[in-house]
């Protein structure tokens, strides 16, 4: 039987644009994984890896116009958004190249023998080595930054791991173009093109997670799909690390003091954050606790005005559109739930933004309202009206793990008065990034960034954004009483590679 064709589809019309190729068979996946594994040796040299990453960044820059045109045709995200996302992706590749040059990620630690210690310490030398072939599952909503050349791929290559990427069906043509850029960059530095493999199709994704030569996997997508792959990774004869970003509610708490001081600004800011990218950001605020009373009413009026003025938009594909319309309708039917601005179908191919409200008392206990505690992908948020700190705390105690948790405070609370510190303590267990007086959309690529959180936000404690993202693809190894001549160069006393390290308890730069 012939392999199923892979089509590029225009989400603005639902029509096929072009045939990109065919879904990968089990044999195709095996060939891609084996080619990737064969490229490991070429990635062993840090200088080669850094140069490869910089060439990939330059190649994406040079091809920007065509890449953005194709990305917009497949995702309807718009040239402005996509131009910024491509710039972020290019910056990320260069940032990882700098980290590779620096070498601190190797975490070199050397301890000379100490017979006076209890128990005695032998000669020990520790650093980190790459895991091997990494399977990368592209995201739908970030066709550059979380796709073929995105954070998982860039960090894996920086760690010395070749990748096989499972392309997302919402942007297959773009995936092929970007893979071509990366492969040409690899060839410039003597790295086999197989260091960046690409496969299409649902079946290919299943084959990939089970392949015995795949050493780890990175995923960004739905709870259902991610959990299935996570379980498959754990069920292998040799389980592998699975770093999945699944679903996130990203709660926001607005204190009474904050609402009294700047209700209108918070309302308009929330509207901008929840509708950004047609609500298709992984850190979209999906549940917002707003106080009852006059100040809270002012906030909702501001939110309603701003959301009501937001034009209908196109989601990434019609399947997501159908799920959004069904999801908001199911939530709106719950008793006591109101829709000041009704979200749903905005046209034949578009959706309209809106928000729902519900009393905090309805969410305080398990029951029919649990659906409101699940992410609904698209331009909608749930506003929970609370009366007093006790109701807000009761709702927070029921929330699942998220990528972010946000609080808006009054000026006095931000200065240390009131419950500011107590609220931060309540939010910290919920998320990997806690924000004060800001909105979670917009994830800076910076060394201190953490993009992850308790399950179901992610399946690990790691980050997929920022320099420490490459730690996911490394494992530590210690050598004991090993002759100097046999040691890796990274672990020799003379430090021939000039690496940052901890030498006999002292940090050396």
Protein backbone atom coordinates (compact mmCIF):
# COMPACT_ATOMS: atom_id res chain seq x y z
CA UNK A 1 0.00 0.00 0.00
CA UNK A 2 1.33 3.43 -0.97
CA UNK A 3 2.14 5.86 1.83
CA UNK A 4 -0.49 8.52 2.48
CA UNK A 5 0.29 11.90 0.92
CA UNK A 6 1.18 14.91 3.05
CA UNK A 7 -0.60 18.12 2.03
CA UNK A 8 -0.01 21.73 2.97
CA UNK A 9 -3.40 23.31 3.83
CA UNK A 10 -4.46 26.96 3.95
CA UNK A 11 -6.37 27.45 7.25
CA UNK A 12 -8.04 30.60 5.88
CA UNK A 13 -9.92 28.52 3.32
CA UNK A 14 -9.45 24.91 4.39
CA UNK A 15 -8.14 24.10 0.90
CA UNK A 16 -5.04 22.11 0.01
CA UNK A 17 -2.11 24.25 -1.16
CA UNK A 18 0.42 21.69 -2.36
CA UNK A 19 1.51 18.14 -1.85
CA UNK A 20 4.65 18.14 0.30
CA UNK A 21 5.49 14.46 0.31
CA UNK A 22 4.33 11.24 1.93
CA UNK A 23 3.89 10.01 5.47
CA UNK A 24 6.94 8.15 6.70
CA UNK A 25 6.80 4.38 6.96
CA UNK A 26 8.44 2.37 9.74
CA UNK A 27 11.34 1.78 7.35
CA UNK A 28 11.65 5.53 6.71
CA UNK A 29 11.73 6.27 10.44
CA UNK A 30 14.35 3.59 11.01
CA UNK A 31 16.52 5.05 8.25
CA UNK A 32 16.22 8.57 9.68
CA UNK A 33 17.12 7.44 13.20
CA UNK A 34 20.09 5.41 12.02
CA UNK A 35 21.37 8.31 9.91
CA UNK A 36 21.07 10.59 12.93
CA UNK A 37 22.93 8.16 15.14
CA UNK A 38 25.71 7.93 12.59
CA UNK A 39 26.16 11.72 12.81
CA UNK A 40 27.03 11.70 16.52
CA UNK A 41 30.77 11.66 15.95
CA UNK A 42 30.66 14.75 13.74
CA UNK A 43 28.89 16.65 16.55
CA UNK A 44 31.45 15.68 19.19
CA UNK A 45 33.63 18.74 18.55
CA UNK A 46 32.21 21.78 20.36
CA UNK A 47 33.74 24.20 17.86
CA UNK A 48 32.01 22.39 15.00
CA UNK A 49 28.68 22.42 16.84
CA UNK A 50 28.89 26.13 17.57
CA UNK A 51 29.79 26.94 13.96
CA UNK A 52 26.97 24.72 12.70
CA UNK A 53 24.42 26.53 14.89
CA UNK A 54 25.63 29.94 13.73
CA UNK A 55 25.46 28.88 10.09
CA UNK A 56 21.94 27.61 10.64
CA UNK A 57 20.98 30.99 12.10
CA UNK A 58 22.53 32.81 9.14
CA UNK A 59 20.76 30.49 6.71
CA UNK A 60 17.38 31.19 8.29
CA UNK A 61 18.07 34.92 8.14
CA UNK A 62 18.98 34.70 4.48
CA UNK A 63 15.85 32.70 3.62
CA UNK A 64 13.53 34.77 5.83
CA UNK A 65 11.22 36.17 3.15
CA UNK A 66 10.33 32.82 1.63
CA UNK A 67 10.05 31.11 5.00
CA UNK A 68 7.68 33.74 6.38
CA UNK A 69 5.54 33.64 3.24
CA UNK A 70 5.17 29.87 3.49
CA UNK A 71 4.57 29.98 7.25
CA UNK A 72 1.79 32.53 6.87
CA UNK A 73 0.16 30.53 4.08
CA UNK A 74 0.08 27.44 6.32
CA UNK A 75 -0.75 29.01 9.72
CA UNK A 76 -2.49 32.38 9.09
CA UNK A 77 -0.43 33.82 11.96
CA UNK A 78 0.49 36.89 9.92
CA UNK A 79 3.84 38.27 8.71
CA UNK A 80 4.38 40.54 11.72
CA UNK A 81 4.01 37.76 14.27
CA UNK A 82 6.03 35.32 12.16
CA UNK A 83 8.84 37.81 11.52
CA UNK A 84 9.27 38.24 15.27
CA UNK A 85 9.12 34.50 15.87
CA UNK A 86 11.75 33.80 13.23
CA UNK A 87 14.01 36.46 14.77
CA UNK A 88 13.58 34.79 18.14
CA UNK A 89 14.49 31.41 16.63
CA UNK A 90 17.62 32.80 14.99
CA UNK A 91 18.65 34.50 18.23
CA UNK A 92 18.12 31.24 20.11
CA UNK A 93 20.42 29.32 17.77
CA UNK A 94 23.16 31.91 18.25
CA UNK A 95 22.66 31.97 22.01
CA UNK A 96 23.14 28.20 22.19
CA UNK A 97 26.27 28.53 20.03
CA UNK A 98 27.68 30.95 22.61
CA UNK A 99 26.89 28.48 25.40
CA UNK A 100 28.65 25.71 23.50
CA UNK A 101 31.73 27.91 23.15
CA UNK A 102 31.69 28.75 26.85
CA UNK A 103 31.43 25.11 27.93
CA UNK A 104 29.95 25.69 31.39
CA UNK A 105 27.05 23.37 30.54
CA UNK A 106 29.49 20.45 30.79
CA UNK A 107 29.50 21.03 34.57
CA UNK A 108 33.11 19.88 35.02
CA UNK A 109 33.98 18.94 38.62
CA UNK A 110 37.38 17.58 39.67
CA UNK A 111 38.18 16.30 43.18
CA UNK A 112 41.69 15.09 43.96
CA UNK A 113 42.14 12.26 46.47
CA UNK A 114 41.66 13.11 50.15
CA UNK A 115 42.57 10.34 52.58
CA UNK A 116 41.60 12.46 55.59
CA UNK A 117 37.92 12.60 54.63
CA UNK A 118 35.38 10.14 56.05
CA UNK A 119 35.01 8.06 54.02
CA UNK A 120 38.21 8.73 52.03
CA UNK A 121 37.73 10.49 48.68
CA UNK A 122 39.39 8.88 45.64
CA UNK A 123 40.34 10.81 42.51
CA UNK A 124 36.95 11.74 40.98
CA UNK A 125 36.24 13.69 37.79
CA UNK A 126 32.71 14.39 36.57
CA UNK A 127 31.18 16.00 33.51
CA UNK A 128 28.18 15.60 31.23
CA UNK A 129 27.88 13.75 27.94
CA UNK A 130 25.15 13.80 25.26
CA UNK A 131 22.39 11.19 25.50
CA UNK A 132 22.19 10.33 21.80
CA UNK A 133 19.48 10.71 19.17
CA UNK A 134 16.65 13.02 20.29
CA UNK A 135 13.14 12.76 18.85
CA UNK A 136 11.55 16.21 18.51
CA UNK A 137 7.78 16.63 18.12
CA UNK A 138 6.95 20.00 16.57
CA UNK A 139 4.27 22.32 17.94
CA UNK A 140 1.39 23.68 15.88
CA UNK A 141 1.30 27.21 17.29
CA UNK A 142 5.00 28.12 16.92
CA UNK A 143 6.06 27.03 13.41
CA UNK A 144 9.56 28.43 13.94
CA UNK A 145 10.35 28.66 17.66
CA UNK A 146 8.96 25.23 18.68
CA UNK A 147 9.35 23.38 15.41
CA UNK A 148 12.13 22.05 13.18
CA UNK A 149 14.71 24.68 14.18
CA UNK A 150 13.11 25.50 17.52
CA UNK A 151 14.27 25.22 21.09
CA UNK A 152 14.26 21.43 21.36
CA UNK A 153 16.30 21.01 18.19
CA UNK A 154 18.70 23.87 18.95
CA UNK A 155 19.34 22.73 22.51
CA UNK A 156 19.78 19.08 21.48
CA UNK A 157 22.30 19.97 18.77
CA UNK A 158 24.09 22.25 21.25
CA UNK A 159 24.36 19.32 23.65
CA UNK A 160 25.86 17.18 20.89
CA UNK A 161 22.72 15.17 20.11
CA UNK A 162 21.47 14.65 16.54
CA UNK A 163 17.71 14.97 16.09
CA UNK A 164 14.86 13.42 14.16
CA UNK A 165 11.96 15.86 13.97
CA UNK A 166 8.37 14.75 13.57
CA UNK A 167 6.88 17.62 11.54
CA UNK A 168 3.56 19.09 12.58
CA UNK A 169 0.81 18.53 9.99
CA UNK A 170 -0.21 22.21 10.17
CA UNK A 171 3.02 23.40 8.53
CA UNK A 172 4.66 20.56 6.57
CA UNK A 173 5.93 22.70 3.68
CA UNK A 174 7.64 25.11 6.08
CA UNK A 175 9.12 22.16 7.96
CA UNK A 176 10.76 20.86 4.79
CA UNK A 177 12.17 24.29 3.96
CA UNK A 178 13.64 24.81 7.44
CA UNK A 179 15.09 21.29 7.53
CA UNK A 180 16.80 22.08 4.24
CA UNK A 181 18.38 25.20 5.73
CA UNK A 182 19.70 23.23 8.72
CA UNK A 183 21.06 20.43 6.56
CA UNK A 184 22.92 22.87 4.32
CA UNK A 185 24.39 24.51 7.40
CA UNK A 186 25.49 21.09 8.66
CA UNK A 187 27.20 20.27 5.37
CA UNK A 188 29.22 23.52 5.57
CA UNK A 189 31.00 22.11 8.61
CA UNK A 190 31.36 18.47 7.66
CA UNK A 191 28.33 17.35 9.66
CA UNK A 192 26.21 14.72 7.87
CA UNK A 193 22.78 15.94 6.80
CA UNK A 194 21.34 13.05 8.80
CA UNK A 195 22.06 15.04 11.97
CA UNK A 196 18.71 16.71 11.29
CA UNK A 197 16.14 14.12 10.25
CA UNK A 198 12.53 14.94 9.36
CA UNK A 199 9.53 12.63 9.16
CA UNK A 200 5.81 13.22 8.59
CA UNK A 201 2.69 11.44 9.80
CA UNK A 202 0.98 10.26 12.97
CA UNK A 203 2.33 6.75 12.52
CA UNK A 204 5.86 8.13 12.22
CA UNK A 205 5.48 9.80 15.60
CA UNK A 206 4.51 6.51 17.19
CA UNK A 207 7.36 4.64 15.51
CA UNK A 208 9.82 7.30 16.57
CA UNK A 209 9.11 7.14 20.31
CA UNK A 210 9.53 3.36 20.25
CA UNK A 211 12.71 3.18 18.19
CA UNK A 212 15.45 1.51 20.26
CA UNK A 213 18.12 3.97 19.07
CA UNK A 214 16.18 7.06 20.19
CA UNK A 215 17.60 8.19 23.52
CA UNK A 216 15.21 11.01 24.53
CA UNK A 217 12.24 12.99 23.26
CA UNK A 218 10.91 16.54 23.37
CA UNK A 219 7.25 17.33 22.76
CA UNK A 220 5.01 20.41 22.67
CA UNK A 221 1.30 19.86 22.15
CA UNK A 222 -1.90 18.58 23.69
CA UNK A 223 -2.37 16.73 26.97
CA UNK A 224 -3.89 13.75 25.19
CA UNK A 225 -1.16 13.36 22.57
CA UNK A 226 1.68 14.16 24.93
CA UNK A 227 0.49 11.79 27.61
CA UNK A 228 0.22 8.95 25.09
CA UNK A 229 3.81 9.49 23.99
CA UNK A 230 4.99 9.93 27.59
CA UNK A 231 3.42 6.60 28.54
CA UNK A 232 4.98 4.95 25.46
CA UNK A 233 8.42 6.31 26.40
CA UNK A 234 8.07 4.89 29.91
CA UNK A 235 6.76 1.53 28.66
CA UNK A 236 9.76 0.80 26.41
CA UNK A 237 12.06 -2.07 27.31
CA UNK A 238 14.59 0.69 28.01
CA UNK A 239 12.58 3.77 29.11
CA UNK A 240 13.83 7.15 27.92
CA UNK A 241 13.45 10.73 29.20
CA UNK A 242 10.40 12.44 27.75
CA UNK A 243 10.27 16.20 28.13
CA UNK A 244 6.71 17.13 27.19
CA UNK A 245 4.88 20.44 27.36
CA UNK A 246 1.20 19.48 27.44
CA UNK A 247 -1.51 21.85 28.72
CA UNK A 248 -1.55 24.95 30.89
CA UNK A 249 -4.28 27.08 32.49
CA UNK A 250 -1.92 29.92 33.52
CA UNK A 251 -4.03 31.37 36.37
CA UNK A 252 -4.11 35.07 37.23
CA UNK A 253 -5.16 36.57 40.58
CA UNK A 254 -6.18 40.23 40.74
CA UNK A 255 -6.29 41.52 44.30
CA UNK A 256 -9.00 43.89 45.49
CA UNK A 257 -6.40 46.61 45.93
CA UNK A 258 -5.08 46.20 42.39
CA UNK A 259 -8.59 46.31 40.94
CA UNK A 260 -9.39 49.46 42.90
CA UNK A 261 -6.25 51.20 41.65
CA UNK A 262 -6.25 50.25 37.94
CA UNK A 263 -9.26 48.15 36.96
CA UNK A 264 -9.45 49.51 33.42
CA UNK A 265 -5.76 48.96 32.67
CA UNK A 266 -5.89 45.39 33.98
CA UNK A 267 -9.01 44.65 31.95
CA UNK A 268 -7.54 45.92 28.70
CA UNK A 269 -4.22 44.20 29.42
CA UNK A 270 -5.98 40.90 29.99
CA UNK A 271 -7.87 41.27 26.72
CA UNK A 272 -4.63 41.83 24.83
CA UNK A 273 -2.96 38.83 26.42
CA UNK A 274 -5.81 36.33 26.02
CA UNK A 275 -6.48 37.26 22.37
CA UNK A 276 -2.84 37.51 21.28
CA UNK A 277 -2.26 35.18 18.35
CA UNK A 278 -5.99 34.31 18.43
CA UNK A 279 -5.49 32.85 21.91
CA UNK A 280 -3.06 30.21 20.64
CA UNK A 281 -0.19 30.90 23.02
CA UNK A 282 0.79 28.19 25.50
CA UNK A 283 0.91 30.84 28.26
CA UNK A 284 -2.45 32.46 27.50
CA UNK A 285 -4.18 33.38 30.80
CA UNK A 286 -7.00 30.84 30.89
CA UNK A 287 -8.46 31.49 34.36
CA UNK A 288 -8.55 34.87 36.10
CA UNK A 289 -9.66 35.50 39.69
CA UNK A 290 -11.31 38.92 39.96
CA UNK A 291 -12.85 40.35 43.16
CA UNK A 292 -16.57 40.93 43.47
CA UNK A 293 -17.70 44.52 43.93
CA UNK A 294 -17.50 47.84 42.09
CA UNK A 295 -13.79 47.63 41.20
CA UNK A 296 -14.20 44.12 39.83
CA UNK A 297 -17.19 45.26 37.77
CA UNK A 298 -15.09 48.07 36.30
CA UNK A 299 -12.43 45.54 35.33
CA UNK A 300 -14.98 43.31 33.59
CA UNK A 301 -16.48 46.27 31.72
CA UNK A 302 -13.02 47.19 30.46
CA UNK A 303 -12.34 43.58 29.47
CA UNK A 304 -15.68 43.31 27.67
CA UNK A 305 -15.06 46.48 25.68
CA UNK A 306 -11.58 45.45 24.60
CA UNK A 307 -12.52 41.85 23.76
CA UNK A 308 -15.64 43.01 21.94
CA UNK A 309 -13.48 45.21 19.71
CA UNK A 310 -11.19 42.30 18.79
CA UNK A 311 -11.67 41.10 15.23
CA UNK A 312 -12.46 37.46 14.52
CA UNK A 313 -9.39 35.38 13.70
CA UNK A 314 -8.30 32.15 12.03
CA UNK A 315 -7.08 29.24 14.15
CA UNK A 316 -4.26 27.02 12.97
CA UNK A 317 -6.57 24.41 11.46
CA UNK A 318 -10.26 23.52 11.25
CA UNK A 319 -9.89 20.70 13.76
CA UNK A 320 -8.77 23.22 16.37
CA UNK A 321 -11.58 25.54 15.34
CA UNK A 322 -14.16 22.82 15.86
CA UNK A 323 -12.65 21.90 19.24
CA UNK A 324 -12.68 25.55 20.36
CA UNK A 325 -16.33 26.08 19.39
CA UNK A 326 -17.40 22.86 21.08
CA UNK A 327 -15.28 23.57 24.16
CA UNK A 328 -16.63 27.05 24.85
CA UNK A 329 -20.20 25.90 24.20
CA UNK A 330 -19.85 23.06 26.70
CA UNK A 331 -18.45 25.42 29.32
CA UNK A 332 -21.12 28.07 28.69
CA UNK A 333 -23.88 25.52 29.32
CA UNK A 334 -22.79 24.92 32.92
CA UNK A 335 -25.26 26.35 35.45
CA UNK A 336 -24.27 29.78 36.73
CA UNK A 337 -21.77 30.40 33.92
CA UNK A 338 -22.38 33.62 31.98
CA UNK A 339 -20.81 35.00 28.81
CA UNK A 340 -20.57 38.82 28.85
CA UNK A 341 -18.87 38.50 25.45
CA UNK A 342 -19.75 35.23 23.76
CA UNK A 343 -16.82 33.32 22.23
CA UNK A 344 -17.36 30.92 19.35
CA UNK A 345 -17.69 30.84 15.57
CA UNK A 346 -16.91 34.18 13.98
CA UNK A 347 -17.49 33.05 10.41
CA UNK A 348 -17.03 30.05 8.17
CA UNK A 349 -13.29 29.84 8.88
CA UNK A 350 -12.84 32.17 11.86
CA UNK A 351 -13.57 32.34 15.57
CA UNK A 352 -14.59 35.26 17.78
CA UNK A 353 -13.01 36.06 21.13
CA UNK A 354 -14.95 36.16 24.38
CA UNK A 355 -14.92 35.30 28.06
CA UNK A 356 -17.01 33.45 30.62
CA UNK A 357 -17.71 34.29 34.26
CA UNK A 358 -18.47 32.00 37.19
CA UNK A 359 -18.71 32.48 40.98
CA UNK A 360 -15.69 31.23 42.94
CA UNK A 361 -18.00 29.21 45.17
CA UNK A 362 -18.83 26.97 42.19
CA UNK A 363 -15.18 25.97 41.79
CA UNK A 364 -14.36 25.48 45.45
CA UNK A 365 -15.28 21.78 45.39
CA UNK A 366 -14.92 18.98 42.86
CA UNK A 367 -17.86 18.47 40.57
CA UNK A 368 -19.47 19.58 37.34
CA UNK A 369 -17.34 22.72 37.10
CA UNK A 370 -14.03 20.85 36.79
CA UNK A 371 -14.13 21.45 33.02
CA UNK A 372 -13.41 25.12 33.73
CA UNK A 373 -10.06 24.07 35.22
CA UNK A 374 -8.89 22.64 31.89
CA UNK A 375 -7.20 24.61 29.11
CA UNK A 376 -9.43 25.66 26.20
CA UNK A 377 -7.15 26.42 23.25
CA UNK A 378 -8.22 29.65 21.56
CA UNK A 379 -9.32 33.23 22.40
CA UNK A 380 -11.29 32.63 25.62
CA UNK A 381 -10.68 32.99 29.33
CA UNK A 382 -12.72 32.16 32.42
CA UNK A 383 -13.19 34.97 34.95
CA UNK A 384 -13.84 33.68 38.47
CA UNK A 385 -15.51 36.22 40.79
CA UNK A 386 -14.38 35.78 44.38
CA UNK A 387 -15.66 37.32 47.60
CA UNK A 388 -12.80 37.51 50.07
CA UNK A 389 -9.37 35.93 50.34
CA UNK A 390 -10.75 32.60 51.52
CA UNK A 391 -12.65 31.99 48.28
CA UNK A 392 -9.61 32.92 46.17
CA UNK A 393 -7.38 30.58 48.14
CA UNK A 394 -9.91 27.75 47.84
CA UNK A 395 -9.90 28.06 44.05
CA UNK A 396 -6.09 28.27 43.84
CA UNK A 397 -5.81 25.10 45.91
CA UNK A 398 -7.69 23.16 43.21
CA UNK A 399 -5.74 24.30 40.18
CA UNK A 400 -3.51 21.93 38.17
CA UNK A 401 0.11 22.71 37.37
CA UNK A 402 0.78 25.49 34.86
CA UNK A 403 3.59 27.11 32.99
CA UNK A 404 2.83 30.46 34.64
CA UNK A 405 0.94 31.97 37.55
CA UNK A 406 0.34 35.72 37.82
CA UNK A 407 -0.74 38.17 40.49
CA UNK A 408 -1.70 41.82 40.08
CA UNK A 409 -1.07 43.76 43.29
CA UNK A 410 -1.77 47.24 44.57
CA UNK A 411 1.16 49.62 45.02
CA UNK A 412 1.09 49.00 48.75
CA UNK A 413 1.01 45.23 48.36
CA UNK A 414 3.92 45.37 45.92
CA UNK A 415 5.86 47.34 48.51
CA UNK A 416 5.37 44.62 51.11
CA UNK A 417 2.11 45.57 52.79
CA UNK A 418 -0.86 43.19 52.95
CA UNK A 419 -0.86 39.65 51.54
CA UNK A 420 1.58 40.09 48.64
CA UNK A 421 4.19 37.68 49.95
CA UNK A 422 1.52 35.21 51.07
CA UNK A 423 -0.06 35.21 47.60
CA UNK A 424 3.30 34.55 45.96
CA UNK A 425 3.77 31.61 48.30
CA UNK A 426 0.37 30.25 47.18
CA UNK A 427 1.21 30.66 43.49
CA UNK A 428 4.74 29.25 43.55
CA UNK A 429 3.71 25.55 43.82
CA UNK A 430 1.42 26.00 40.80
CA UNK A 431 3.86 27.10 38.10
CA UNK A 432 7.38 27.31 36.77
CA UNK A 433 7.22 31.09 36.22
CA UNK A 434 5.51 33.48 38.65
CA UNK A 435 4.70 36.98 37.40
CA UNK A 436 3.82 40.15 39.29
CA UNK A 437 1.92 43.01 37.61
CA UNK A 438 2.55 41.64 34.10
CA UNK A 439 1.00 39.24 31.58
CA UNK A 440 2.45 35.80 30.79
CA UNK A 441 2.34 35.93 26.99
CA UNK A 442 5.77 36.67 25.59
CA UNK A 443 8.48 34.27 26.78
CA UNK A 444 11.90 35.92 26.80
CA UNK A 445 14.83 33.82 25.61
CA UNK A 446 17.25 34.49 28.45
CA UNK A 447 19.62 32.51 30.69
CA UNK A 448 17.31 32.82 33.72
CA UNK A 449 14.15 31.85 31.85
CA UNK A 450 12.13 28.82 32.92
CA UNK A 451 9.42 27.53 30.59
CA UNK A 452 7.98 24.50 32.32
CA UNK A 453 5.89 23.67 35.35
CA UNK A 454 4.16 20.97 37.37
CA UNK A 455 2.13 18.37 35.46
CA UNK A 456 0.22 18.73 33.17
CA UNK A 457 2.18 21.80 32.11
CA UNK A 458 5.23 19.60 31.61
CA UNK A 459 6.24 16.01 32.29
CA UNK A 460 9.63 16.97 33.77
CA UNK A 461 11.13 19.69 35.94
CA UNK A 462 13.18 21.09 33.05
CA UNK A 463 12.71 24.11 30.78
CA UNK A 464 12.30 24.22 27.01
CA UNK A 465 13.36 27.90 26.77
CA UNK A 466 16.62 29.48 27.91
CA UNK A 467 20.17 28.24 28.17
CA UNK A 468 19.49 25.49 30.67
CA UNK A 469 17.19 23.76 28.13
CA UNK A 470 20.16 21.77 26.84
CA UNK A 471 20.53 20.04 30.23
CA UNK A 472 17.63 17.81 29.16
CA UNK A 473 19.84 16.05 26.64
CA UNK A 474 22.87 15.35 28.85
CA UNK A 475 23.78 12.83 31.52
CA UNK A 476 26.61 13.00 34.08
CA UNK A 477 29.54 10.57 34.10
CA UNK A 478 32.22 10.32 36.82
CA UNK A 479 35.68 8.80 36.29
CA UNK A 480 37.45 7.38 39.35
CA UNK A 481 41.21 6.87 39.69
CA UNK A 482 41.62 7.20 35.93
CA UNK A 483 45.15 7.86 34.59
CA UNK A 484 45.56 11.36 33.15
CA UNK A 485 46.46 10.03 29.71
CA UNK A 486 43.15 8.16 29.48
CA UNK A 487 40.90 10.97 30.66
CA UNK A 488 38.75 13.05 28.29
CA UNK A 489 40.48 16.38 27.64
CA UNK A 490 37.67 18.14 29.51
CA UNK A 491 38.70 16.43 32.76
CA UNK A 492 42.47 16.82 32.74
CA UNK A 493 44.19 18.82 35.46
CA UNK A 494 45.80 21.28 33.08
CA UNK A 495 42.39 22.27 31.62
CA UNK A 496 43.62 22.26 28.00
CA UNK A 497 40.20 23.40 26.75
CA UNK A 498 39.98 26.33 29.16
CA UNK A 499 36.62 25.28 30.58
CA UNK A 500 34.81 26.74 33.58
CA UNK A 501 34.99 24.11 36.29
CA UNK A 502 34.98 23.34 40.02
CA UNK A 503 38.51 22.18 40.93
CA UNK A 504 39.02 20.78 44.42
CA UNK A 505 36.04 22.71 45.71
CA UNK A 506 36.93 26.04 44.10
CA UNK A 507 35.02 27.55 41.18
CA UNK A 508 37.41 28.39 38.33
CA UNK A 509 36.43 30.65 35.46
